[in-house]
């Protein structure tokens, strides 16, 4: 293998640049020409492919976002679009690809491999930590710490005014961010998509907590079946309308995607990037390079996409036990 390419796709995640850097420099170390594809699958179709060098990734390991940019691509969902993408890659002599992204990125990569046989290895770049085949995803740790910093500040004002705060964090289908923020931020309740939310139980517990606590923090993953932070706050407020309590909601939103990646994310991204390139050289393909129990593993895209990654039940119990 003499030429490979790297791209980022889907939602950006802190640490993607560290992963790009690792891919580029590992390729150069092994005397492979490395190319960067800008704007994900859309850039692949449009031929936004440029040669990268060691200096191309200087001074980016500490930066959030992605220097290769990211974009959604409706054209790549069509056979015609994927055929164009393959033609652009073969024009450049590309023989393998490293795809940095999440579930949608890997779904596209799997289809592309099945249609054209182009060797592809993925790196798990998503703040949601919902990819099977790796203990943590690139960007998750940074997102949690960003949200936790905000929750710490919210708790100060909640305590000052005896308020109940609902803090909405990202997690349309996954409650990993909410759970870790709940534990680290000392939340009284955490609401996540993976478990059914019993609002009556929440209301009853809040009434009991009034005897020992003047304020409370409730962390809500945006994908909870009862709704987002705003909607759940109004439902609880209606049930506690005689409680003489002040209710507030804060939606943290996209601040969780940005910022300098933590050391943990930089190390994980670097390990996955190196493993992806060296995996291609060893004949691995149609899979993701992740880290499980401290060791690099290669998991087929079909498993990454098809298998769910369950929350740790002990973490949910921990929140309940420590909230009293």
C-alpha atoms as a PDB file:
ATOM      1  CA  UNK A   1       0.000   0.000   0.000  1.00  0.00           C
ATOM      2  CA  UNK A   2       1.578   3.254  -1.188  1.00  0.00           C
ATOM      3  CA  UNK A   3      -1.175   5.861  -0.898  1.00  0.00           C
ATOM      4  CA  UNK A   4      -3.938   6.271   1.673  1.00  0.00           C
ATOM      5  CA  UNK A   5      -6.398   9.034   2.567  1.00  0.00           C
ATOM      6  CA  UNK A   6      -8.040  10.295   5.751  1.00  0.00           C
ATOM      7  CA  UNK A   7     -11.266  12.212   6.322  1.00  0.00           C
ATOM      8  CA  UNK A   8     -13.626  13.284   9.103  1.00  0.00           C
ATOM      9  CA  UNK A   9     -17.382  13.011   8.831  1.00  0.00           C
ATOM     10  CA  UNK A  10     -20.558  13.639  10.811  1.00  0.00           C
ATOM     11  CA  UNK A  11     -20.569  15.756  13.954  1.00  0.00           C
ATOM     12  CA  UNK A  12     -17.188  17.133  14.992  1.00  0.00           C
ATOM     13  CA  UNK A  13     -15.602  15.938  18.227  1.00  0.00           C
ATOM     14  CA  UNK A  14     -12.638  17.269  20.238  1.00  0.00           C
ATOM     15  CA  UNK A  15      -9.648  15.071  19.452  1.00  0.00           C
ATOM     16  CA  UNK A  16     -10.367  14.605  15.748  1.00  0.00           C
ATOM     17  CA  UNK A  17      -7.354  16.767  14.919  1.00  0.00           C
ATOM     18  CA  UNK A  18      -5.154  14.655  17.169  1.00  0.00           C
ATOM     19  CA  UNK A  19      -6.382  11.590  15.272  1.00  0.00           C
ATOM     20  CA  UNK A  20      -5.687  13.213  11.878  1.00  0.00           C
ATOM     21  CA  UNK A  21      -2.186  14.079  13.096  1.00  0.00           C
ATOM     22  CA  UNK A  22      -1.548  10.482  14.157  1.00  0.00           C
ATOM     23  CA  UNK A  23      -2.788   9.110  10.826  1.00  0.00           C
ATOM     24  CA  UNK A  24      -0.631  11.497   8.804  1.00  0.00           C
ATOM     25  CA  UNK A  25       2.563  10.974  10.756  1.00  0.00           C
ATOM     26  CA  UNK A  26       2.136   7.201  11.074  1.00  0.00           C
ATOM     27  CA  UNK A  27       1.683   6.982   7.310  1.00  0.00           C
ATOM     28  CA  UNK A  28       4.799   9.063   6.697  1.00  0.00           C
ATOM     29  CA  UNK A  29       6.736   6.927   9.202  1.00  0.00           C
ATOM     30  CA  UNK A  30       5.870   3.880   7.087  1.00  0.00           C
ATOM     31  CA  UNK A  31       6.784   5.653   3.818  1.00  0.00           C
ATOM     32  CA  UNK A  32       3.174   5.935   2.648  1.00  0.00           C
ATOM     33  CA  UNK A  33       1.825   8.973   0.807  1.00  0.00           C
ATOM     34  CA  UNK A  34      -1.050  10.429   2.813  1.00  0.00           C
ATOM     35  CA  UNK A  35      -3.900  12.546   1.452  1.00  0.00           C
ATOM     36  CA  UNK A  36      -6.540  14.541   3.288  1.00  0.00           C
ATOM     37  CA  UNK A  37     -10.131  14.622   2.051  1.00  0.00           C
ATOM     38  CA  UNK A  38     -11.904  17.846   3.020  1.00  0.00           C
ATOM     39  CA  UNK A  39     -15.624  17.924   3.907  1.00  0.00           C
ATOM     40  CA  UNK A  40     -16.094  14.187   4.389  1.00  0.00           C
ATOM     41  CA  UNK A  41     -17.935  12.094   1.823  1.00  0.00           C
ATOM     42  CA  UNK A  42     -19.047  15.227   0.000  1.00  0.00           C
ATOM     43  CA  UNK A  43     -15.403  16.197  -0.513  1.00  0.00           C
ATOM     44  CA  UNK A  44     -14.656  12.674  -1.707  1.00  0.00           C
ATOM     45  CA  UNK A  45     -17.297  13.027  -4.422  1.00  0.00           C
ATOM     46  CA  UNK A  46     -16.068  16.489  -5.429  1.00  0.00           C
ATOM     47  CA  UNK A  47     -12.386  15.553  -5.434  1.00  0.00           C
ATOM     48  CA  UNK A  48     -11.325  17.754  -2.498  1.00  0.00           C
ATOM     49  CA  UNK A  49      -8.266  15.563  -1.969  1.00  0.00           C
ATOM     50  CA  UNK A  50      -4.836  17.021  -1.197  1.00  0.00           C
ATOM     51  CA  UNK A  51      -1.450  15.583  -0.296  1.00  0.00           C
ATOM     52  CA  UNK A  52      -0.506  16.033   3.352  1.00  0.00           C
ATOM     53  CA  UNK A  53       2.921  16.261   4.957  1.00  0.00           C
ATOM     54  CA  UNK A  54       4.274  16.157   8.492  1.00  0.00           C
ATOM     55  CA  UNK A  55       4.064  19.945   8.739  1.00  0.00           C
ATOM     56  CA  UNK A  56       0.432  19.828   7.587  1.00  0.00           C
ATOM     57  CA  UNK A  57      -0.529  18.645  11.060  1.00  0.00           C
ATOM     58  CA  UNK A  58       1.825  20.760  13.143  1.00  0.00           C
ATOM     59  CA  UNK A  59       0.273  22.575  16.111  1.00  0.00           C
ATOM     60  CA  UNK A  60      -3.182  20.955  15.810  1.00  0.00           C
ATOM     61  CA  UNK A  61      -3.158  18.304  18.546  1.00  0.00           C
ATOM     62  CA  UNK A  62      -4.580  20.796  21.060  1.00  0.00           C
ATOM     63  CA  UNK A  63      -7.282  22.208  18.782  1.00  0.00           C
ATOM     64  CA  UNK A  64     -10.955  21.236  18.762  1.00  0.00           C
ATOM     65  CA  UNK A  65     -12.961  20.796  15.578  1.00  0.00           C
ATOM     66  CA  UNK A  66     -11.322  19.292  12.501  1.00  0.00           C
ATOM     67  CA  UNK A  67      -8.888  20.861  10.051  1.00  0.00           C
ATOM     68  CA  UNK A  68     -10.336  18.619   7.336  1.00  0.00           C
ATOM     69  CA  UNK A  69     -13.835  20.010   7.987  1.00  0.00           C
ATOM     70  CA  UNK A  70     -16.962  17.895   8.159  1.00  0.00           C
ATOM     71  CA  UNK A  71     -20.174  17.802   6.141  1.00  0.00           C
ATOM     72  CA  UNK A  72     -23.253  15.693   5.541  1.00  0.00           C
ATOM     73  CA  UNK A  73     -23.572  14.223   2.054  1.00  0.00           C
ATOM     74  CA  UNK A  74     -26.902  13.259   0.538  1.00  0.00           C
ATOM     75  CA  UNK A  75     -25.148  12.394  -2.743  1.00  0.00           C
ATOM     76  CA  UNK A  76     -23.071   9.701  -1.046  1.00  0.00           C
ATOM     77  CA  UNK A  77     -26.279   7.934  -0.041  1.00  0.00           C
ATOM     78  CA  UNK A  78     -26.864   7.174  -3.733  1.00  0.00           C
ATOM     79  CA  UNK A  79     -25.015   4.558  -5.844  1.00  0.00           C
ATOM     80  CA  UNK A  80     -24.178   7.288  -8.369  1.00  0.00           C
ATOM     81  CA  UNK A  81     -22.585   9.460  -5.695  1.00  0.00           C
ATOM     82  CA  UNK A  82     -20.487   6.612  -4.323  1.00  0.00           C
ATOM     83  CA  UNK A  83     -19.381   5.724  -7.860  1.00  0.00           C
ATOM     84  CA  UNK A  84     -18.155   9.307  -8.328  1.00  0.00           C
ATOM     85  CA  UNK A  85     -16.307   9.139  -5.019  1.00  0.00           C
ATOM     86  CA  UNK A  86     -14.555   5.913  -6.000  1.00  0.00           C
ATOM     87  CA  UNK A  87     -13.555   7.424  -9.352  1.00  0.00           C
ATOM     88  CA  UNK A  88     -11.983  10.449  -7.624  1.00  0.00           C
ATOM     89  CA  UNK A  89     -10.039   8.205  -5.246  1.00  0.00           C
ATOM     90  CA  UNK A  90      -8.728   5.962  -8.012  1.00  0.00           C
ATOM     91  CA  UNK A  91      -7.649   9.025 -10.023  1.00  0.00           C
ATOM     92  CA  UNK A  92      -5.323   9.855  -7.134  1.00  0.00           C
ATOM     93  CA  UNK A  93      -4.184   6.261  -6.755  1.00  0.00           C
ATOM     94  CA  UNK A  94      -5.649   5.965  -3.236  1.00  0.00           C
ATOM     95  CA  UNK A  95      -5.491   2.360  -1.980  1.00  0.00           C
ATOM     96  CA  UNK A  96      -6.931   2.673   1.527  1.00  0.00           C
ATOM     97  CA  UNK A  97      -8.924   5.051   3.719  1.00  0.00           C
ATOM     98  CA  UNK A  98      -9.103   6.062   7.371  1.00  0.00           C
ATOM     99  CA  UNK A  99     -12.590   7.327   8.273  1.00  0.00           C
ATOM    100  CA  UNK A 100     -12.928   9.317  11.507  1.00  0.00           C
ATOM    101  CA  UNK A 101     -16.518   9.598  12.716  1.00  0.00           C
ATOM    102  CA  UNK A 102     -19.453   7.780  14.224  1.00  0.00           C
ATOM    103  CA  UNK A 103     -22.344   5.531  13.302  1.00  0.00           C
ATOM    104  CA  UNK A 104     -23.317   7.339  10.082  1.00  0.00           C
ATOM    105  CA  UNK A 105     -19.714   7.532   8.925  1.00  0.00           C
ATOM    106  CA  UNK A 106     -19.207   3.810   9.475  1.00  0.00           C
ATOM    107  CA  UNK A 107     -22.474   2.941   7.737  1.00  0.00           C
ATOM    108  CA  UNK A 108     -21.259   4.789   4.648  1.00  0.00           C
ATOM    109  CA  UNK A 109     -17.818   3.205   4.901  1.00  0.00           C
ATOM    110  CA  UNK A 110     -19.282  -0.301   5.144  1.00  0.00           C
ATOM    111  CA  UNK A 111     -21.442   0.236   2.051  1.00  0.00           C
ATOM    112  CA  UNK A 112     -18.524   1.736   0.131  1.00  0.00           C
ATOM    113  CA  UNK A 113     -16.289  -1.221   0.961  1.00  0.00           C
ATOM    114  CA  UNK A 114     -18.962  -3.726  -0.048  1.00  0.00           C
ATOM    115  CA  UNK A 115     -19.494  -2.027  -3.411  1.00  0.00           C
ATOM    116  CA  UNK A 116     -15.903  -1.268  -4.398  1.00  0.00           C
ATOM    117  CA  UNK A 117     -13.642  -3.302  -2.118  1.00  0.00           C
ATOM    118  CA  UNK A 118     -11.688  -0.216  -1.017  1.00  0.00           C
ATOM    119  CA  UNK A 119      -9.992  -1.071   2.309  1.00  0.00           C
ATOM    120  CA  UNK A 120     -11.337   1.219   5.039  1.00  0.00           C
ATOM    121  CA  UNK A 121     -10.653   1.403   8.765  1.00  0.00           C
ATOM    122  CA  UNK A 122     -12.601   3.719  11.042  1.00  0.00           C
ATOM    123  CA  UNK A 123     -11.646   5.675  14.159  1.00  0.00           C
ATOM    124  CA  UNK A 124     -14.464   6.331  16.678  1.00  0.00           C
ATOM    125  CA  UNK A 125     -14.917  10.106  16.618  1.00  0.00           C
ATOM    126  CA  UNK A 126     -18.127  11.119  18.415  1.00  0.00           C
ATOM    127  CA  UNK A 127     -18.871  12.777  21.748  1.00  0.00           C
ATOM    128  CA  UNK A 128     -21.771  10.391  22.459  1.00  0.00           C
ATOM    129  CA  UNK A 129     -19.617   7.348  23.334  1.00  0.00           C
ATOM    130  CA  UNK A 130     -22.237   5.123  21.703  1.00  0.00           C
ATOM    131  CA  UNK A 131     -20.020   3.088  19.351  1.00  0.00           C
ATOM    132  CA  UNK A 132     -19.694  -0.632  20.073  1.00  0.00           C
ATOM    133  CA  UNK A 133     -16.111  -1.918  19.966  1.00  0.00           C
ATOM    134  CA  UNK A 134     -14.337   0.689  22.055  1.00  0.00           C
ATOM    135  CA  UNK A 135     -14.567   1.611  25.740  1.00  0.00           C
ATOM    136  CA  UNK A 136     -14.539   5.321  24.909  1.00  0.00           C
ATOM    137  CA  UNK A 137     -14.936   7.390  21.771  1.00  0.00           C
ATOM    138  CA  UNK A 138     -12.802  10.347  20.746  1.00  0.00           C
ATOM    139  CA  UNK A 139     -14.342  13.540  22.134  1.00  0.00           C
ATOM    140  CA  UNK A 140     -16.437  11.981  24.886  1.00  0.00           C
ATOM    141  CA  UNK A 141     -14.124  12.856  27.760  1.00  0.00           C
ATOM    142  CA  UNK A 142     -13.815  16.475  26.635  1.00  0.00           C
ATOM    143  CA  UNK A 143     -17.574  16.825  26.200  1.00  0.00           C
ATOM    144  CA  UNK A 144     -18.189  15.488  29.706  1.00  0.00           C
ATOM    145  CA  UNK A 145     -15.646  17.837  31.255  1.00  0.00           C
ATOM    146  CA  UNK A 146     -17.065  20.815  29.341  1.00  0.00           C
ATOM    147  CA  UNK A 147     -20.583  20.012  30.545  1.00  0.00           C
ATOM    148  CA  UNK A 148     -19.362  19.323  34.073  1.00  0.00           C
ATOM    149  CA  UNK A 149     -17.687  22.718  34.308  1.00  0.00           C
ATOM    150  CA  UNK A 150     -21.018  24.347  33.435  1.00  0.00           C
ATOM    151  CA  UNK A 151     -22.932  22.176  35.911  1.00  0.00           C
ATOM    152  CA  UNK A 152     -20.548  23.184  38.718  1.00  0.00           C
ATOM    153  CA  UNK A 153     -21.329  26.833  38.011  1.00  0.00           C
ATOM    154  CA  UNK A 154     -25.064  26.154  37.810  1.00  0.00           C
ATOM    155  CA  UNK A 155     -24.978  24.420  41.189  1.00  0.00           C
ATOM    156  CA  UNK A 156     -23.534  27.588  42.749  1.00  0.00           C
ATOM    157  CA  UNK A 157     -26.483  29.699  41.622  1.00  0.00           C
ATOM    158  CA  UNK A 158     -28.972  26.917  42.343  1.00  0.00           C
ATOM    159  CA  UNK A 159     -27.770  26.788  45.951  1.00  0.00           C
ATOM    160  CA  UNK A 160     -27.795  30.580  46.268  1.00  0.00           C
ATOM    161  CA  UNK A 161     -31.481  30.813  45.292  1.00  0.00           C
ATOM    162  CA  UNK A 162     -32.833  27.436  46.475  1.00  0.00           C
ATOM    163  CA  UNK A 163     -33.663  26.483  42.893  1.00  0.00           C
ATOM    164  CA  UNK A 164     -34.238  23.241  41.032  1.00  0.00           C
ATOM    165  CA  UNK A 165     -32.206  23.280  37.825  1.00  0.00           C
ATOM    166  CA  UNK A 166     -32.761  21.048  34.802  1.00  0.00           C
ATOM    167  CA  UNK A 167     -29.581  20.843  32.724  1.00  0.00           C
ATOM    168  CA  UNK A 168     -29.966  19.409  29.231  1.00  0.00           C
ATOM    169  CA  UNK A 169     -26.872  17.766  27.735  1.00  0.00           C
ATOM    170  CA  UNK A 170     -26.308  16.148  24.352  1.00  0.00           C
ATOM    171  CA  UNK A 171     -27.342  12.553  23.796  1.00  0.00           C
ATOM    172  CA  UNK A 172     -30.131  11.976  21.288  1.00  0.00           C
ATOM    173  CA  UNK A 173     -29.834   8.187  21.532  1.00  0.00           C
ATOM    174  CA  UNK A 174     -27.242   7.778  24.273  1.00  0.00           C
ATOM    175  CA  UNK A 175     -27.097   8.754  27.939  1.00  0.00           C
ATOM    176  CA  UNK A 176     -23.357   8.365  28.477  1.00  0.00           C
ATOM    177  CA  UNK A 177     -22.656  12.102  28.772  1.00  0.00           C
ATOM    178  CA  UNK A 178     -25.618  12.595  31.107  1.00  0.00           C
ATOM    179  CA  UNK A 179     -24.612   9.720  33.388  1.00  0.00           C
ATOM    180  CA  UNK A 180     -20.974  10.766  33.798  1.00  0.00           C
ATOM    181  CA  UNK A 181     -21.999  14.398  34.319  1.00  0.00           C
ATOM    182  CA  UNK A 182     -24.561  13.249  36.856  1.00  0.00           C
ATOM    183  CA  UNK A 183     -21.986  11.329  38.852  1.00  0.00           C
ATOM    184  CA  UNK A 184     -19.248  13.955  38.578  1.00  0.00           C
ATOM    185  CA  UNK A 185     -21.602  16.866  39.173  1.00  0.00           C
ATOM    186  CA  UNK A 186     -23.457  15.336  42.112  1.00  0.00           C
ATOM    187  CA  UNK A 187     -26.832  15.473  40.361  1.00  0.00           C
ATOM    188  CA  UNK A 188     -29.934  14.336  42.206  1.00  0.00           C
ATOM    189  CA  UNK A 189     -31.414  12.734  39.074  1.00  0.00           C
ATOM    190  CA  UNK A 190     -30.302  11.758  35.582  1.00  0.00           C
ATOM    191  CA  UNK A 191     -32.728  11.105  32.724  1.00  0.00           C
ATOM    192  CA  UNK A 192     -31.488   9.131  29.710  1.00  0.00           C
ATOM    193  CA  UNK A 193     -32.954   7.493  26.566  1.00  0.00           C
ATOM    194  CA  UNK A 194     -31.906   3.994  27.635  1.00  0.00           C
ATOM    195  CA  UNK A 195     -34.181   3.860  30.701  1.00  0.00           C
ATOM    196  CA  UNK A 196     -37.819   4.830  31.189  1.00  0.00           C
ATOM    197  CA  UNK A 197     -38.249   8.046  33.150  1.00  0.00           C
ATOM    198  CA  UNK A 198     -40.833   7.892  35.944  1.00  0.00           C
ATOM    199  CA  UNK A 199     -41.785  11.529  36.549  1.00  0.00           C
ATOM    200  CA  UNK A 200     -44.029  10.628  39.475  1.00  0.00           C
ATOM    201  CA  UNK A 201     -41.055   9.015  41.209  1.00  0.00           C
ATOM    202  CA  UNK A 202     -38.942  12.097  40.484  1.00  0.00           C
ATOM    203  CA  UNK A 203     -41.602  14.368  41.962  1.00  0.00           C
ATOM    204  CA  UNK A 204     -41.958  12.200  45.064  1.00  0.00           C
ATOM    205  CA  UNK A 205     -38.182  12.164  45.573  1.00  0.00           C
ATOM    206  CA  UNK A 206     -37.928  15.937  45.127  1.00  0.00           C
ATOM    207  CA  UNK A 207     -40.566  16.391  47.840  1.00  0.00           C
ATOM    208  CA  UNK A 208     -38.564  14.158  50.185  1.00  0.00           C
ATOM    209  CA  UNK A 209     -35.289  15.876  49.334  1.00  0.00           C
ATOM    210  CA  UNK A 210     -36.753  19.231  50.382  1.00  0.00           C
ATOM    211  CA  UNK A 211     -36.270  18.101  53.991  1.00  0.00           C
ATOM    212  CA  UNK A 212     -32.488  17.861  53.557  1.00  0.00           C
ATOM    213  CA  UNK A 213     -31.640  19.906  50.456  1.00  0.00           C
ATOM    214  CA  UNK A 214     -32.648  23.391  49.397  1.00  0.00           C
ATOM    215  CA  UNK A 215     -31.585  22.962  45.742  1.00  0.00           C
ATOM    216  CA  UNK A 216     -31.306  20.178  43.192  1.00  0.00           C
ATOM    217  CA  UNK A 217     -29.657  19.469  39.838  1.00  0.00           C
ATOM    218  CA  UNK A 218     -31.389  17.217  37.309  1.00  0.00           C
ATOM    219  CA  UNK A 219     -29.356  16.237  34.234  1.00  0.00           C
ATOM    220  CA  UNK A 220     -31.430  15.428  31.146  1.00  0.00           C
ATOM    221  CA  UNK A 221     -30.115  13.784  27.974  1.00  0.00           C
ATOM    222  CA  UNK A 222     -31.787  15.503  25.020  1.00  0.00           C
ATOM    223  CA  UNK A 223     -33.221  12.191  23.773  1.00  0.00           C
ATOM    224  CA  UNK A 224     -35.139  11.221  26.925  1.00  0.00           C
ATOM    225  CA  UNK A 225     -38.591   9.877  26.051  1.00  0.00           C
ATOM    226  CA  UNK A 226     -40.280  12.489  28.274  1.00  0.00           C
ATOM    227  CA  UNK A 227     -38.688  15.276  26.236  1.00  0.00           C
ATOM    228  CA  UNK A 228     -35.801  17.727  26.543  1.00  0.00           C
ATOM    229  CA  UNK A 229     -34.924  19.808  29.569  1.00  0.00           C
ATOM    230  CA  UNK A 230     -37.529  22.492  28.932  1.00  0.00           C
ATOM    231  CA  UNK A 231     -40.393  20.061  28.425  1.00  0.00           C
ATOM    232  CA  UNK A 232     -39.530  17.929  31.450  1.00  0.00           C
ATOM    233  CA  UNK A 233     -39.117  21.000  33.645  1.00  0.00           C
ATOM    234  CA  UNK A 234     -42.664  22.143  32.819  1.00  0.00           C
ATOM    235  CA  UNK A 235     -44.071  18.657  33.513  1.00  0.00           C
ATOM    236  CA  UNK A 236     -42.374  18.485  36.927  1.00  0.00           C
ATOM    237  CA  UNK A 237     -43.251  22.094  37.728  1.00  0.00           C
ATOM    238  CA  UNK A 238     -46.919  21.348  37.070  1.00  0.00           C
ATOM    239  CA  UNK A 239     -46.831  18.408  39.465  1.00  0.00           C
ATOM    240  CA  UNK A 240     -45.021  20.494  42.119  1.00  0.00           C
ATOM    241  CA  UNK A 241     -46.914  23.759  41.622  1.00  0.00           C
ATOM    242  CA  UNK A 242     -47.680  24.023  45.341  1.00  0.00           C
ATOM    243  CA  UNK A 243     -44.104  23.346  46.405  1.00  0.00           C
ATOM    244  CA  UNK A 244     -43.050  27.018  46.439  1.00  0.00           C
ATOM    245  CA  UNK A 245     -39.937  26.217  44.384  1.00  0.00           C
ATOM    246  CA  UNK A 246     -38.210  28.133  41.595  1.00  0.00           C
ATOM    247  CA  UNK A 247     -37.510  26.007  38.510  1.00  0.00           C
ATOM    248  CA  UNK A 248     -34.903  26.835  35.851  1.00  0.00           C
ATOM    249  CA  UNK A 249     -33.543  25.083  32.767  1.00  0.00           C
ATOM    250  CA  UNK A 250     -30.195  25.371  30.998  1.00  0.00           C
ATOM    251  CA  UNK A 251     -29.502  23.764  27.629  1.00  0.00           C
ATOM    252  CA  UNK A 252     -25.754  23.354  27.153  1.00  0.00           C
ATOM    253  CA  UNK A 253     -26.002  22.521  23.446  1.00  0.00           C
ATOM    254  CA  UNK A 254     -23.053  22.668  21.089  1.00  0.00           C
ATOM    255  CA  UNK A 255     -20.525  24.019  23.587  1.00  0.00           C
ATOM    256  CA  UNK A 256     -20.016  20.322  24.361  1.00  0.00           C
ATOM    257  CA  UNK A 257     -18.593  19.753  20.868  1.00  0.00           C
ATOM    258  CA  UNK A 258     -15.944  22.463  21.020  1.00  0.00           C
ATOM    259  CA  UNK A 259     -12.873  23.291  23.033  1.00  0.00           C
ATOM    260  CA  UNK A 260      -9.404  21.897  23.505  1.00  0.00           C
ATOM    261  CA  UNK A 261      -9.431  18.094  23.854  1.00  0.00           C
ATOM    262  CA  UNK A 262      -8.427  16.624  27.199  1.00  0.00           C
ATOM    263  CA  UNK A 263      -5.248  14.579  27.560  1.00  0.00           C
ATOM    264  CA  UNK A 264      -7.367  11.434  27.654  1.00  0.00           C
ATOM    265  CA  UNK A 265      -8.958  12.275  24.285  1.00  0.00           C
ATOM    266  CA  UNK A 266      -5.617  13.220  22.712  1.00  0.00           C
ATOM    267  CA  UNK A 267      -4.049   9.929  23.750  1.00  0.00           C
ATOM    268  CA  UNK A 268      -7.043   7.875  22.612  1.00  0.00           C
ATOM    269  CA  UNK A 269      -7.189   9.699  19.272  1.00  0.00           C
ATOM    270  CA  UNK A 270      -3.471   9.206  18.704  1.00  0.00           C
ATOM    271  CA  UNK A 271      -3.656   5.495  19.489  1.00  0.00           C
ATOM    272  CA  UNK A 272      -6.648   4.943  17.200  1.00  0.00           C
ATOM    273  CA  UNK A 273      -5.077   6.935  14.359  1.00  0.00           C
ATOM    274  CA  UNK A 274      -1.853   4.956  14.488  1.00  0.00           C
ATOM    275  CA  UNK A 275      -3.752   1.668  14.795  1.00  0.00           C
ATOM    276  CA  UNK A 276      -5.888   2.495  11.752  1.00  0.00           C
ATOM    277  CA  UNK A 277      -2.879   3.058   9.485  1.00  0.00           C
ATOM    278  CA  UNK A 278      -0.972   0.046  10.759  1.00  0.00           C
ATOM    279  CA  UNK A 279      -4.148  -2.017  10.493  1.00  0.00           C
ATOM    280  CA  UNK A 280      -4.416  -1.177   6.800  1.00  0.00           C
ATOM    281  CA  UNK A 281      -0.805  -2.285   6.339  1.00  0.00           C
ATOM    282  CA  UNK A 282      -1.577  -5.602   8.069  1.00  0.00           C
ATOM    283  CA  UNK A 283      -4.594  -6.271   5.873  1.00  0.00           C
ATOM    284  CA  UNK A 284      -7.373  -5.171   8.230  1.00  0.00           C
ATOM    285  CA  UNK A 285     -10.382  -3.648   6.473  1.00  0.00           C
ATOM    286  CA  UNK A 286     -14.077  -2.893   6.825  1.00  0.00           C
ATOM    287  CA  UNK A 287     -13.606  -2.371  10.563  1.00  0.00           C
ATOM    288  CA  UNK A 288     -12.940   0.169  13.312  1.00  0.00           C
ATOM    289  CA  UNK A 289      -9.822   0.565  15.428  1.00  0.00           C
ATOM    290  CA  UNK A 290     -10.847   1.054  19.059  1.00  0.00           C
ATOM    291  CA  UNK A 291      -9.430   0.533  22.549  1.00  0.00           C
ATOM    292  CA  UNK A 292     -10.970  -2.036  24.915  1.00  0.00           C
ATOM    293  CA  UNK A 293      -9.465  -2.681  28.354  1.00  0.00           C
ATOM    294  CA  UNK A 294      -6.400  -0.724  27.322  1.00  0.00           C
ATOM    295  CA  UNK A 295      -5.719  -2.779  24.202  1.00  0.00           C
ATOM    296  CA  UNK A 296      -6.245  -1.869  20.544  1.00  0.00           C
ATOM    297  CA  UNK A 297      -8.925  -4.019  18.906  1.00  0.00           C
ATOM    298  CA  UNK A 298     -10.421  -4.128  15.407  1.00  0.00           C
ATOM    299  CA  UNK A 299     -14.202  -4.479  15.319  1.00  0.00           C
ATOM    300  CA  UNK A 300     -16.146  -5.091  12.077  1.00  0.00           C
ATOM    301  CA  UNK A 301     -18.271  -2.139  10.979  1.00  0.00           C
ATOM    302  CA  UNK A 302     -21.302  -4.433  11.033  1.00  0.00           C
ATOM    303  CA  UNK A 303     -20.857  -4.883  14.801  1.00  0.00           C
ATOM    304  CA  UNK A 304     -20.064  -1.198  15.433  1.00  0.00           C
ATOM    305  CA  UNK A 305     -23.304  -0.261  13.694  1.00  0.00           C
ATOM    306  CA  UNK A 306     -25.508  -3.185  14.653  1.00  0.00           C
ATOM    307  CA  UNK A 307     -24.668  -3.852  18.298  1.00  0.00           C
ATOM    308  CA  UNK A 308     -25.782  -1.540  21.091  1.00  0.00           C
ATOM    309  CA  UNK A 309     -23.479  -0.303  23.834  1.00  0.00           C
ATOM    310  CA  UNK A 310     -25.304  -0.563  27.137  1.00  0.00           C
ATOM    311  CA  UNK A 311     -24.957   1.875  29.991  1.00  0.00           C
ATOM    312  CA  UNK A 312     -23.259   0.661  33.143  1.00  0.00           C
ATOM    313  CA  UNK A 313     -26.094  -0.229  35.542  1.00  0.00           C
ATOM    314  CA  UNK A 314     -23.823   0.371  38.532  1.00  0.00           C
ATOM    315  CA  UNK A 315     -23.368   3.983  37.415  1.00  0.00           C
ATOM    316  CA  UNK A 316     -27.132   4.512  37.465  1.00  0.00           C
ATOM    317  CA  UNK A 317     -27.345   2.985  40.939  1.00  0.00           C
ATOM    318  CA  UNK A 318     -24.468   5.177  42.067  1.00  0.00           C
ATOM    319  CA  UNK A 319     -26.382   8.328  41.144  1.00  0.00           C
ATOM    320  CA  UNK A 320     -29.455   7.186  43.086  1.00  0.00           C
ATOM    321  CA  UNK A 321     -27.480   6.162  46.159  1.00  0.00           C
ATOM    322  CA  UNK A 322     -25.357   9.334  46.336  1.00  0.00           C
ATOM    323  CA  UNK A 323     -28.286  11.712  45.794  1.00  0.00           C
ATOM    324  CA  UNK A 324     -29.820  11.237  49.252  1.00  0.00           C
END
